[in-house]
Full PDB file with SEQRES, HELIX, SHEET, SSBOND, CRYST1, ORIGX, SCALE, CONECT and MASTER records, all heavy atoms in Angstrom:
SEQRES   1 A   39  ALA PRO GLY ASP GLN GLN ALA ALA ARG THR TRP PRO HIS          
SEQRES   2 A   39  GLU CYS LEU ARG ASP LEU ASP ALA GLY ALA ALA LEU VAL          
SEQRES   3 A   39  VAL THR GLU GLY ARG GLN SER GLY THR VAL GLY THR PHE          
HELIX    1 AA1 ALA A    8  THR A   10  5                                   3    
HELIX    2 AA2 TRP A   11  ALA A   21  1                                  11    
CRYST1    1.000    1.000    1.000  90.00  90.00  90.00 P 1           1          
ORIGX1      1.000000  0.000000  0.000000        0.00000                         
ORIGX2      0.000000  1.000000  0.000000        0.00000                         
ORIGX3      0.000000  0.000000  1.000000        0.00000                         
SCALE1      1.000000  0.000000  0.000000        0.00000                         
SCALE2      0.000000  1.000000  0.000000        0.00000                         
SCALE3      0.000000  0.000000  1.000000        0.00000                         
ATOM      1  N   ALA A   1     -58.073  -8.911 -86.077  1.00  0.00           N  
ATOM      2  CA  ALA A   1     -57.277  -9.046 -87.301  1.00  0.00           C  
ATOM      3  C   ALA A   1     -58.166  -9.411 -88.491  1.00  0.00           C  
ATOM      4  O   ALA A   1     -58.914 -10.390 -88.426  1.00  0.00           O  
ATOM      5  CB  ALA A   1     -56.202 -10.105 -87.117  1.00  0.00           C  
ATOM      6  N   PRO A   2     -58.096  -8.637 -89.569  1.00  0.00           N  
ATOM      7  CA  PRO A   2     -58.864  -8.997 -90.766  1.00  0.00           C  
ATOM      8  C   PRO A   2     -58.491 -10.391 -91.255  1.00  0.00           C  
ATOM      9  O   PRO A   2     -57.318 -10.758 -91.309  1.00  0.00           O  
ATOM     10  CB  PRO A   2     -58.453  -7.920 -91.778  1.00  0.00           C  
ATOM     11  CG  PRO A   2     -57.984  -6.767 -90.948  1.00  0.00           C  
ATOM     12  CD  PRO A   2     -57.333  -7.390 -89.743  1.00  0.00           C  
ATOM     13  N   GLY A   3     -59.509 -11.173 -91.582  1.00  0.00           N  
ATOM     14  CA  GLY A   3     -59.265 -12.520 -92.099  1.00  0.00           C  
ATOM     15  C   GLY A   3     -59.062 -13.581 -91.045  1.00  0.00           C  
ATOM     16  O   GLY A   3     -59.027 -14.776 -91.363  1.00  0.00           O  
ATOM     17  N   ASP A   4     -58.928 -13.191 -89.780  1.00  0.00           N  
ATOM     18  CA  ASP A   4     -58.727 -14.166 -88.709  1.00  0.00           C  
ATOM     19  C   ASP A   4     -60.094 -14.550 -88.143  1.00  0.00           C  
ATOM     20  O   ASP A   4     -60.561 -13.971 -87.169  1.00  0.00           O  
ATOM     21  CB  ASP A   4     -57.837 -13.586 -87.617  1.00  0.00           C  
ATOM     22  CG  ASP A   4     -57.575 -14.581 -86.489  1.00  0.00           C  
ATOM     23  OD1 ASP A   4     -57.892 -15.779 -86.665  1.00  0.00           O  
ATOM     24  OD2 ASP A   4     -57.061 -14.165 -85.432  1.00  0.00           O  
ATOM     25  N   GLN A   5     -60.729 -15.518 -88.764  1.00  0.00           N  
ATOM     26  CA  GLN A   5     -62.058 -15.950 -88.334  1.00  0.00           C  
ATOM     27  C   GLN A   5     -61.922 -17.108 -87.353  1.00  0.00           C  
ATOM     28  O   GLN A   5     -61.806 -18.271 -87.755  1.00  0.00           O  
ATOM     29  CB  GLN A   5     -62.913 -16.344 -89.533  1.00  0.00           C  
ATOM     30  CG  GLN A   5     -63.253 -15.168 -90.429  1.00  0.00           C  
ATOM     31  CD  GLN A   5     -64.413 -15.472 -91.364  1.00  0.00           C  
ATOM     32  OE1 GLN A   5     -64.913 -16.585 -91.432  1.00  0.00           O  
ATOM     33  NE2 GLN A   5     -64.854 -14.468 -92.083  1.00  0.00           N  
ATOM     34  N   GLN A   6     -61.920 -16.779 -86.082  1.00  0.00           N  
ATOM     35  CA  GLN A   6     -61.803 -17.812 -85.057  1.00  0.00           C  
ATOM     36  C   GLN A   6     -63.005 -18.739 -85.124  1.00  0.00           C  
ATOM     37  O   GLN A   6     -64.142 -18.297 -85.301  1.00  0.00           O  
ATOM     38  CB  GLN A   6     -61.714 -17.166 -83.671  1.00  0.00           C  
ATOM     39  CG  GLN A   6     -60.452 -16.355 -83.445  1.00  0.00           C  
ATOM     40  CD  GLN A   6     -60.430 -15.688 -82.079  1.00  0.00           C  
ATOM     41  OE1 GLN A   6     -61.469 -15.255 -81.585  1.00  0.00           O  
ATOM     42  NE2 GLN A   6     -59.264 -15.596 -81.483  1.00  0.00           N  
ATOM     43  N   ALA A   7     -62.757 -20.025 -84.971  1.00  0.00           N  
ATOM     44  CA  ALA A   7     -63.836 -21.008 -85.040  1.00  0.00           C  
ATOM     45  C   ALA A   7     -64.881 -20.720 -83.976  1.00  0.00           C  
ATOM     46  O   ALA A   7     -64.556 -20.320 -82.849  1.00  0.00           O  
ATOM     47  CB  ALA A   7     -63.268 -22.414 -84.850  1.00  0.00           C  
ATOM     48  N   ALA A   8     -66.135 -20.929 -84.324  1.00  0.00           N  
ATOM     49  CA  ALA A   8     -67.235 -20.620 -83.415  1.00  0.00           C  
ATOM     50  C   ALA A   8     -67.089 -21.353 -82.083  1.00  0.00           C  
ATOM     51  O   ALA A   8     -67.427 -20.814 -81.021  1.00  0.00           O  
ATOM     52  CB  ALA A   8     -68.568 -20.976 -84.077  1.00  0.00           C  
ATOM     53  N   ARG A   9     -66.560 -22.562 -82.117  1.00  0.00           N  
ATOM     54  CA  ARG A   9     -66.478 -23.366 -80.893  1.00  0.00           C  
ATOM     55  C   ARG A   9     -65.531 -22.766 -79.858  1.00  0.00           C  
ATOM     56  O   ARG A   9     -65.587 -23.122 -78.671  1.00  0.00           O  
ATOM     57  CB  ARG A   9     -66.040 -24.792 -81.232  1.00  0.00           C  
ATOM     58  CG  ARG A   9     -64.626 -24.886 -81.759  1.00  0.00           C  
ATOM     59  CD  ARG A   9     -64.218 -26.321 -82.068  1.00  0.00           C  
ATOM     60  NE  ARG A   9     -62.837 -26.407 -82.510  1.00  0.00           N  
ATOM     61  CZ  ARG A   9     -62.422 -26.188 -83.753  1.00  0.00           C  
ATOM     62  NH1 ARG A   9     -63.312 -25.906 -84.694  1.00  0.00           N  
ATOM     63  NH2 ARG A   9     -61.147 -26.271 -84.068  1.00  0.00           N  
ATOM     64  N   THR A  10     -64.637 -21.848 -80.279  1.00  0.00           N  
ATOM     65  CA  THR A  10     -63.659 -21.279 -79.346  1.00  0.00           C  
ATOM     66  C   THR A  10     -64.223 -20.096 -78.562  1.00  0.00           C  
ATOM     67  O   THR A  10     -63.649 -19.716 -77.540  1.00  0.00           O  
ATOM     68  CB  THR A  10     -62.392 -20.819 -80.088  1.00  0.00           C  
ATOM     69  OG1 THR A  10     -62.720 -19.702 -80.947  1.00  0.00           O  
ATOM     70  CG2 THR A  10     -61.823 -21.949 -80.935  1.00  0.00           C  
ATOM     71  N   TRP A  11     -65.300 -19.504 -79.016  1.00  0.00           N  
ATOM     72  CA  TRP A  11     -65.812 -18.283 -78.390  1.00  0.00           C  
ATOM     73  C   TRP A  11     -66.400 -18.497 -76.999  1.00  0.00           C  
ATOM     74  O   TRP A  11     -66.125 -17.702 -76.081  1.00  0.00           O  
ATOM     75  CB  TRP A  11     -66.839 -17.605 -79.296  1.00  0.00           C  
ATOM     76  CG  TRP A  11     -66.274 -16.996 -80.539  1.00  0.00           C  
ATOM     77  CD1 TRP A  11     -65.659 -17.637 -81.580  1.00  0.00           C  
ATOM     78  CD2 TRP A  11     -66.282 -15.610 -80.885  1.00  0.00           C  
ATOM     79  NE1 TRP A  11     -65.285 -16.731 -82.550  1.00  0.00           N  
ATOM     80  CE2 TRP A  11     -65.656 -15.483 -82.152  1.00  0.00           C  
ATOM     81  CE3 TRP A  11     -66.766 -14.464 -80.264  1.00  0.00           C  
ATOM     82  CZ2 TRP A  11     -65.500 -14.268 -82.792  1.00  0.00           C  
ATOM     83  CZ3 TRP A  11     -66.616 -13.236 -80.894  1.00  0.00           C  
ATOM     84  CH2 TRP A  11     -65.977 -13.146 -82.148  1.00  0.00           C  
ATOM     85  N   PRO A  12     -67.223 -19.523 -76.770  1.00  0.00           N  
ATOM     86  CA  PRO A  12     -67.841 -19.653 -75.438  1.00  0.00           C  
ATOM     87  C   PRO A  12     -66.835 -19.765 -74.313  1.00  0.00           C  
ATOM     88  O   PRO A  12     -67.053 -19.214 -73.222  1.00  0.00           O  
ATOM     89  CB  PRO A  12     -68.684 -20.931 -75.575  1.00  0.00           C  
ATOM     90  CG  PRO A  12     -68.993 -21.025 -77.029  1.00  0.00           C  
ATOM     91  CD  PRO A  12     -67.757 -20.518 -77.713  1.00  0.00           C  
ATOM     92  N   HIS A  13     -65.731 -20.471 -74.547  1.00  0.00           N  
ATOM     93  CA  HIS A  13     -64.741 -20.672 -73.486  1.00  0.00           C  
ATOM     94  C   HIS A  13     -64.210 -19.339 -72.972  1.00  0.00           C  
ATOM     95  O   HIS A  13     -64.172 -19.093 -71.753  1.00  0.00           O  
ATOM     96  CB  HIS A  13     -63.595 -21.539 -74.014  1.00  0.00           C  
ATOM     97  CG  HIS A  13     -62.476 -21.724 -73.036  1.00  0.00           C  
ATOM     98  ND1 HIS A  13     -62.616 -22.430 -71.864  1.00  0.00           N  
ATOM     99  CD2 HIS A  13     -61.179 -21.285 -73.058  1.00  0.00           C  
ATOM    100  CE1 HIS A  13     -61.474 -22.419 -71.204  1.00  0.00           C  
ATOM    101  NE2 HIS A  13     -60.585 -21.738 -71.903  1.00  0.00           N  
ATOM    102  N   GLU A  14     -63.804 -18.448 -73.881  1.00  0.00           N  
ATOM    103  CA  GLU A  14     -63.272 -17.161 -73.438  1.00  0.00           C  
ATOM    104  C   GLU A  14     -64.355 -16.309 -72.784  1.00  0.00           C  
ATOM    105  O   GLU A  14     -64.095 -15.629 -71.775  1.00  0.00           O  
ATOM    106  CB  GLU A  14     -62.627 -16.410 -74.603  1.00  0.00           C  
ATOM    107  CG  GLU A  14     -61.941 -15.123 -74.172  1.00  0.00           C  
ATOM    108  CD  GLU A  14     -61.057 -14.508 -75.244  1.00  0.00           C  
ATOM    109  OE1 GLU A  14     -60.833 -15.151 -76.291  1.00  0.00           O  
ATOM    110  OE2 GLU A  14     -60.586 -13.370 -75.025  1.00  0.00           O  
ATOM    111  N   CYS A  15     -65.554 -16.335 -73.319  1.00  0.00           N  
ATOM    112  CA  CYS A  15     -66.657 -15.583 -72.710  1.00  0.00           C  
ATOM    113  C   CYS A  15     -66.860 -16.000 -71.256  1.00  0.00           C  
ATOM    114  O   CYS A  15     -66.964 -15.151 -70.357  1.00  0.00           O  
ATOM    115  CB  CYS A  15     -67.957 -15.797 -73.486  1.00  0.00           C  
ATOM    116  SG  CYS A  15     -68.024 -15.045 -75.122  1.00  0.00           S  
ATOM    117  N   LEU A  16     -66.933 -17.298 -71.021  1.00  0.00           N  
ATOM    118  CA  LEU A  16     -67.185 -17.785 -69.663  1.00  0.00           C  
ATOM    119  C   LEU A  16     -66.018 -17.497 -68.731  1.00  0.00           C  
ATOM    120  O   LEU A  16     -66.221 -17.140 -67.557  1.00  0.00           O  
ATOM    121  CB  LEU A  16     -67.479 -19.287 -69.713  1.00  0.00           C  
ATOM    122  CG  LEU A  16     -68.801 -19.662 -70.397  1.00  0.00           C  
ATOM    123  CD1 LEU A  16     -68.910 -21.172 -70.566  1.00  0.00           C  
ATOM    124  CD2 LEU A  16     -70.001 -19.127 -69.610  1.00  0.00           C  
ATOM    125  N   ARG A  17     -64.795 -17.608 -69.231  1.00  0.00           N  
ATOM    126  CA  ARG A  17     -63.624 -17.257 -68.417  1.00  0.00           C  
ATOM    127  C   ARG A  17     -63.683 -15.796 -67.988  1.00  0.00           C  
ATOM    128  O   ARG A  17     -63.383 -15.449 -66.840  1.00  0.00           O  
ATOM    129  CB  ARG A  17     -62.331 -17.504 -69.195  1.00  0.00           C  
ATOM    130  CG  ARG A  17     -61.907 -18.953 -69.334  1.00  0.00           C  
ATOM    131  CD  ARG A  17     -60.539 -19.024 -70.000  1.00  0.00           C  
ATOM    132  NE  ARG A  17     -59.502 -18.441 -69.151  1.00  0.00           N  
ATOM    133  CZ  ARG A  17     -58.521 -19.111 -68.607  1.00  0.00           C  
ATOM    134  NH1 ARG A  17     -58.417 -20.413 -68.816  1.00  0.00           N  
ATOM    135  NH2 ARG A  17     -57.616 -18.516 -67.857  1.00  0.00           N  
ATOM    136  N   ASP A  18     -64.044 -14.924 -68.926  1.00  0.00           N  
ATOM    137  CA  ASP A  18     -64.081 -13.492 -68.628  1.00  0.00           C  
ATOM    138  C   ASP A  18     -65.149 -13.175 -67.586  1.00  0.00           C  
ATOM    139  O   ASP A  18     -64.926 -12.353 -66.678  1.00  0.00           O  
ATOM    140  CB  ASP A  18     -64.342 -12.694 -69.903  1.00  0.00           C  
ATOM    141  CG  ASP A  18     -63.171 -12.735 -70.879  1.00  0.00           C  
ATOM    142  OD1 ASP A  18     -62.083 -13.186 -70.479  1.00  0.00           O  
ATOM    143  OD2 ASP A  18     -63.349 -12.320 -72.033  1.00  0.00           O  
ATOM    144  N   LEU A  19     -66.309 -13.793 -67.704  1.00  0.00           N  
ATOM    145  CA  LEU A  19     -67.362 -13.566 -66.717  1.00  0.00           C  
ATOM    146  C   LEU A  19     -66.938 -14.095 -65.349  1.00  0.00           C  
ATOM    147  O   LEU A  19     -67.171 -13.450 -64.319  1.00  0.00           O  
ATOM    148  CB  LEU A  19     -68.659 -14.223 -67.175  1.00  0.00           C  
ATOM    149  CG  LEU A  19     -69.313 -13.603 -68.417  1.00  0.00           C  
ATOM    150  CD1 LEU A  19     -70.482 -14.458 -68.886  1.00  0.00           C  
ATOM    151  CD2 LEU A  19     -69.786 -12.173 -68.145  1.00  0.00           C  
ATOM    152  N   ASP A  20     -66.308 -15.247 -65.326  1.00  0.00           N  
ATOM    153  CA  ASP A  20     -65.838 -15.802 -64.061  1.00  0.00           C  
ATOM    154  C   ASP A  20     -64.778 -14.911 -63.416  1.00  0.00           C  
ATOM    155  O   ASP A  20     -64.678 -14.844 -62.180  1.00  0.00           O  
ATOM    156  CB  ASP A  20     -65.253 -17.206 -64.279  1.00  0.00           C  
ATOM    157  CG  ASP A  20     -66.325 -18.254 -64.551  1.00  0.00           C  
ATOM    158  OD1 ASP A  20     -67.511 -17.978 -64.278  1.00  0.00           O  
ATOM    159  OD2 ASP A  20     -65.971 -19.345 -65.043  1.00  0.00           O  
ATOM    160  N   ALA A  21     -64.002 -14.218 -64.244  1.00  0.00           N  
ATOM    161  CA  ALA A  21     -62.945 -13.341 -63.720  1.00  0.00           C  
ATOM    162  C   ALA A  21     -63.505 -12.045 -63.139  1.00  0.00           C  
ATOM    163  O   ALA A  21     -62.790 -11.333 -62.430  1.00  0.00           O  
ATOM    164  CB  ALA A  21     -61.942 -13.021 -64.816  1.00  0.00           C  
ATOM    165  N   GLY A  22     -64.766 -11.728 -63.458  1.00  0.00           N  
ATOM    166  CA  GLY A  22     -65.367 -10.522 -62.879  1.00  0.00           C  
ATOM    167  C   GLY A  22     -65.993  -9.569 -63.864  1.00  0.00           C  
ATOM    168  O   GLY A  22     -66.497  -8.510 -63.469  1.00  0.00           O  
ATOM    169  N   ALA A  23     -65.983  -9.915 -65.165  1.00  0.00           N  
ATOM    170  CA  ALA A  23     -66.631  -9.049 -66.149  1.00  0.00           C  
ATOM    171  C   ALA A  23     -68.149  -9.076 -65.943  1.00  0.00           C  
ATOM    172  O   ALA A  23     -68.729 -10.119 -65.637  1.00  0.00           O  
ATOM    173  CB  ALA A  23     -66.291  -9.501 -67.559  1.00  0.00           C  
ATOM    174  N   ALA A  24     -68.774  -7.924 -66.139  1.00  0.00           N  
ATOM    175  CA  ALA A  24     -70.234  -7.840 -66.059  1.00  0.00           C  
ATOM    176  C   ALA A  24     -70.883  -8.208 -67.377  1.00  0.00           C  
ATOM    177  O   ALA A  24     -71.975  -8.775 -67.412  1.00  0.00           O  
ATOM    178  CB  ALA A  24     -70.652  -6.431 -65.643  1.00  0.00           C  
ATOM    179  N   LEU A  25     -70.196  -7.862 -68.483  1.00  0.00           N  
ATOM    180  CA  LEU A  25     -70.702  -8.108 -69.822  1.00  0.00           C  
ATOM    181  C   LEU A  25     -69.556  -8.580 -70.702  1.00  0.00           C  
ATOM    182  O   LEU A  25     -68.400  -8.191 -70.487  1.00  0.00           O  
ATOM    183  CB  LEU A  25     -71.290  -6.820 -70.425  1.00  0.00           C  
ATOM    184  CG  LEU A  25     -72.490  -6.186 -69.733  1.00  0.00           C  
ATOM    185  CD1 LEU A  25     -72.696  -4.758 -70.248  1.00  0.00           C  
ATOM    186  CD2 LEU A  25     -73.750  -7.014 -69.968  1.00  0.00           C  
ATOM    187  N   VAL A  26     -69.874  -9.401 -71.694  1.00  0.00           N  
ATOM    188  CA  VAL A  26     -68.903  -9.708 -72.729  1.00  0.00           C  
ATOM    189  C   VAL A  26     -69.322  -8.989 -74.007  1.00  0.00           C  
ATOM    190  O   VAL A  26     -70.511  -8.787 -74.269  1.00  0.00           O  
ATOM    191  CB  VAL A  26     -68.762 -11.221 -72.983  1.00  0.00           C  
ATOM    192  CG1 VAL A  26     -68.158 -11.910 -71.778  1.00  0.00           C  
ATOM    193  CG2 VAL A  26     -70.091 -11.859 -73.344  1.00  0.00           C  
ATOM    194  N   VAL A  27     -68.338  -8.579 -74.767  1.00  0.00           N  
ATOM    195  CA  VAL A  27     -68.555  -7.825 -75.998  1.00  0.00           C  
ATOM    196  C   VAL A  27     -67.999  -8.636 -77.144  1.00  0.00           C  
ATOM    197  O   VAL A  27     -66.824  -9.014 -77.138  1.00  0.00           O  
ATOM    198  CB  VAL A  27     -67.846  -6.451 -75.934  1.00  0.00           C  
ATOM    199  CG1 VAL A  27     -68.072  -5.673 -77.227  1.00  0.00           C  
ATOM    200  CG2 VAL A  27     -68.325  -5.652 -74.730  1.00  0.00           C  
ATOM    201  N   THR A  28     -68.827  -8.916 -78.150  1.00  0.00           N  
ATOM    202  CA  THR A  28     -68.341  -9.660 -79.309  1.00  0.00           C  
ATOM    203  C   THR A  28     -67.725  -8.686 -80.300  1.00  0.00           C  
ATOM    204  O   THR A  28     -68.336  -7.705 -80.685  1.00  0.00           O  
ATOM    205  CB  THR A  28     -69.476 -10.460 -79.975  1.00  0.00           C  
ATOM    206  OG1 THR A  28     -70.502  -9.574 -80.427  1.00  0.00           O  
ATOM    207  CG2 THR A  28     -70.058 -11.474 -79.002  1.00  0.00           C  
ATOM    208  N   GLU A  29     -66.516  -8.988 -80.701  1.00  0.00           N  
ATOM    209  CA  GLU A  29     -65.722  -8.090 -81.546  1.00  0.00           C  
ATOM    210  C   GLU A  29     -66.383  -7.848 -82.906  1.00  0.00           C  
ATOM    211  O   GLU A  29     -66.904  -8.750 -83.543  1.00  0.00           O  
ATOM    212  CB  GLU A  29     -64.331  -8.695 -81.756  1.00  0.00           C  
ATOM    213  CG  GLU A  29     -63.407  -7.880 -82.626  1.00  0.00           C  
ATOM    214  CD  GLU A  29     -63.035  -6.561 -81.988  1.00  0.00           C  
ATOM    215  OE1 GLU A  29     -62.210  -6.565 -81.063  1.00  0.00           O  
ATOM    216  OE2 GLU A  29     -63.590  -5.535 -82.425  1.00  0.00           O  
ATOM    217  N   GLY A  30     -66.342  -6.588 -83.320  1.00  0.00           N  
ATOM    218  CA  GLY A  30     -66.803  -6.216 -84.651  1.00  0.00           C  
ATOM    219  C   GLY A  30     -66.027  -5.046 -85.208  1.00  0.00           C  
ATOM    220  O   GLY A  30     -66.085  -4.770 -86.396  1.00  0.00           O  
ATOM    221  N   ARG A  31     -65.328  -4.341 -84.299  1.00  0.00           N  
ATOM    222  CA  ARG A  31     -64.595  -3.120 -84.622  1.00  0.00           C  
ATOM    223  C   ARG A  31     -65.529  -2.070 -85.237  1.00  0.00           C  
ATOM    224  O   ARG A  31     -66.728  -2.273 -85.399  1.00  0.00           O  
ATOM    225  CB  ARG A  31     -63.403  -3.381 -85.544  1.00  0.00           C  
ATOM    226  CG  ARG A  31     -62.368  -4.321 -84.957  1.00  0.00           C  
ATOM    227  CD  ARG A  31     -61.014  -4.192 -85.612  1.00  0.00           C  
ATOM    228  NE  ARG A  31     -60.311  -2.986 -85.151  1.00  0.00           N  
ATOM    229  CZ  ARG A  31     -59.084  -2.666 -85.538  1.00  0.00           C  
ATOM    230  NH1 ARG A  31     -58.442  -3.422 -86.418  1.00  0.00           N  
ATOM    231  NH2 ARG A  31     -58.506  -1.577 -85.076  1.00  0.00           N  
ATOM    232  N   GLN A  32     -64.962  -0.932 -85.575  1.00  0.00           N  
ATOM    233  CA  GLN A  32     -65.725   0.134 -86.215  1.00  0.00           C  
ATOM    234  C   GLN A  32     -66.104  -0.239 -87.636  1.00  0.00           C  
ATOM    235  O   GLN A  32     -67.112   0.230 -88.178  1.00  0.00           O  
ATOM    236  CB  GLN A  32     -64.906   1.432 -86.208  1.00  0.00           C  
ATOM    237  CG  GLN A  32     -65.672   2.656 -86.698  1.00  0.00           C  
ATOM    238  CD  GLN A  32     -64.782   3.876 -86.781  1.00  0.00           C  
ATOM    239  OE1 GLN A  32     -63.572   3.773 -86.995  1.00  0.00           O  
ATOM    240  NE2 GLN A  32     -65.365   5.057 -86.612  1.00  0.00           N  
ATOM    241  N   SER A  33     -65.331  -1.138 -88.238  1.00  0.00           N  
ATOM    242  CA  SER A  33     -65.560  -1.506 -89.639  1.00  0.00           C  
ATOM    243  C   SER A  33     -66.692  -2.502 -89.817  1.00  0.00           C  
ATOM    244  O   SER A  33     -67.308  -2.575 -90.890  1.00  0.00           O  
ATOM    245  CB  SER A  33     -64.282  -2.100 -90.234  1.00  0.00           C  
ATOM    246  OG  SER A  33     -63.961  -3.329 -89.584  1.00  0.00           O  
ATOM    247  N   GLY A  34     -66.938  -3.329 -88.816  1.00  0.00           N  
ATOM    248  CA  GLY A  34     -67.927  -4.379 -88.959  1.00  0.00           C  
ATOM    249  C   GLY A  34     -67.511  -5.474 -89.910  1.00  0.00           C  
ATOM    250  O   GLY A  34     -68.360  -6.110 -90.552  1.00  0.00           O  
ATOM    251  N   THR A  35     -66.214  -5.758 -89.987  1.00  0.00           N  
ATOM    252  CA  THR A  35     -65.715  -6.765 -90.934  1.00  0.00           C  
ATOM    253  C   THR A  35     -64.784  -7.774 -90.271  1.00  0.00           C  
ATOM    254  O   THR A  35     -64.034  -8.467 -90.970  1.00  0.00           O  
ATOM    255  CB  THR A  35     -64.964  -6.090 -92.093  1.00  0.00           C  
ATOM    256  OG1 THR A  35     -63.890  -5.287 -91.563  1.00  0.00           O  
ATOM    257  CG2 THR A  35     -65.902  -5.212 -92.916  1.00  0.00           C  
ATOM    258  N   VAL A  36     -64.802  -7.870 -88.957  1.00  0.00           N  
ATOM    259  CA  VAL A  36     -63.962  -8.834 -88.249  1.00  0.00           C  
ATOM    260  C   VAL A  36     -64.791  -9.484 -87.144  1.00  0.00           C  
ATOM    261  O   VAL A  36     -65.918  -9.085 -86.872  1.00  0.00           O  
ATOM    262  CB  VAL A  36     -62.703  -8.165 -87.629  1.00  0.00           C  
ATOM    263  CG1 VAL A  36     -61.835  -7.520 -88.687  1.00  0.00           C  
ATOM    264  CG2 VAL A  36     -63.100  -7.132 -86.570  1.00  0.00           C  
ATOM    265  N   GLY A  37     -64.202 -10.471 -86.494  1.00  0.00           N  
ATOM    266  CA  GLY A  37     -64.834 -11.062 -85.326  1.00  0.00           C  
ATOM    267  C   GLY A  37     -66.144 -11.750 -85.637  1.00  0.00           C  
ATOM    268  O   GLY A  37     -66.177 -12.822 -86.238  1.00  0.00           O  
ATOM    269  N   THR A  38     -67.226 -11.105 -85.249  1.00  0.00           N  
ATOM    270  CA  THR A  38     -68.565 -11.667 -85.439  1.00  0.00           C  
ATOM    271  C   THR A  38     -69.012 -11.631 -86.886  1.00  0.00           C  
ATOM    272  O   THR A  38     -70.052 -12.201 -87.225  1.00  0.00           O  
ATOM    273  CB  THR A  38     -69.585 -10.868 -84.594  1.00  0.00           C  
ATOM    274  OG1 THR A  38     -68.973 -10.453 -83.374  1.00  0.00           O  
ATOM    275  CG2 THR A  38     -70.799 -11.708 -84.259  1.00  0.00           C  
ATOM    276  N   PHE A  39     -68.249 -10.950 -87.735  1.00  0.00           N  
ATOM    277  CA  PHE A  39     -68.634 -10.747 -89.133  1.00  0.00           C  
ATOM    278  C   PHE A  39     -67.556 -11.267 -90.077  1.00  0.00           C  
ATOM    279  O   PHE A  39     -66.382 -11.371 -89.707  1.00  0.00           O  
ATOM    280  CB  PHE A  39     -68.866  -9.251 -89.404  1.00  0.00           C  
ATOM    281  CG  PHE A  39     -69.764  -8.610 -88.373  1.00  0.00           C  
ATOM    282  CD1 PHE A  39     -69.240  -7.796 -87.385  1.00  0.00           C  
ATOM    283  CD2 PHE A  39     -71.128  -8.853 -88.382  1.00  0.00           C  
ATOM    284  CE1 PHE A  39     -70.054  -7.231 -86.417  1.00  0.00           C  
ATOM    285  CE2 PHE A  39     -71.956  -8.288 -87.426  1.00  0.00           C  
ATOM    286  CZ  PHE A  39     -71.424  -7.477 -86.436  1.00  0.00           C  
TER     287      PHE A  39                                                      
MASTER        0    0    0    2    0    0    0    6  286    1    0    3          
END                                                                             
């Protein structure tokens, strides 16, 4: 979502949960626009 800048402290928790669930890699959101998520 544009403008929804999740606090940095919230990102590691979801990353680790996803890896524990069986993900091989985590992908940090940026979309095609490069104006959300990590940006």
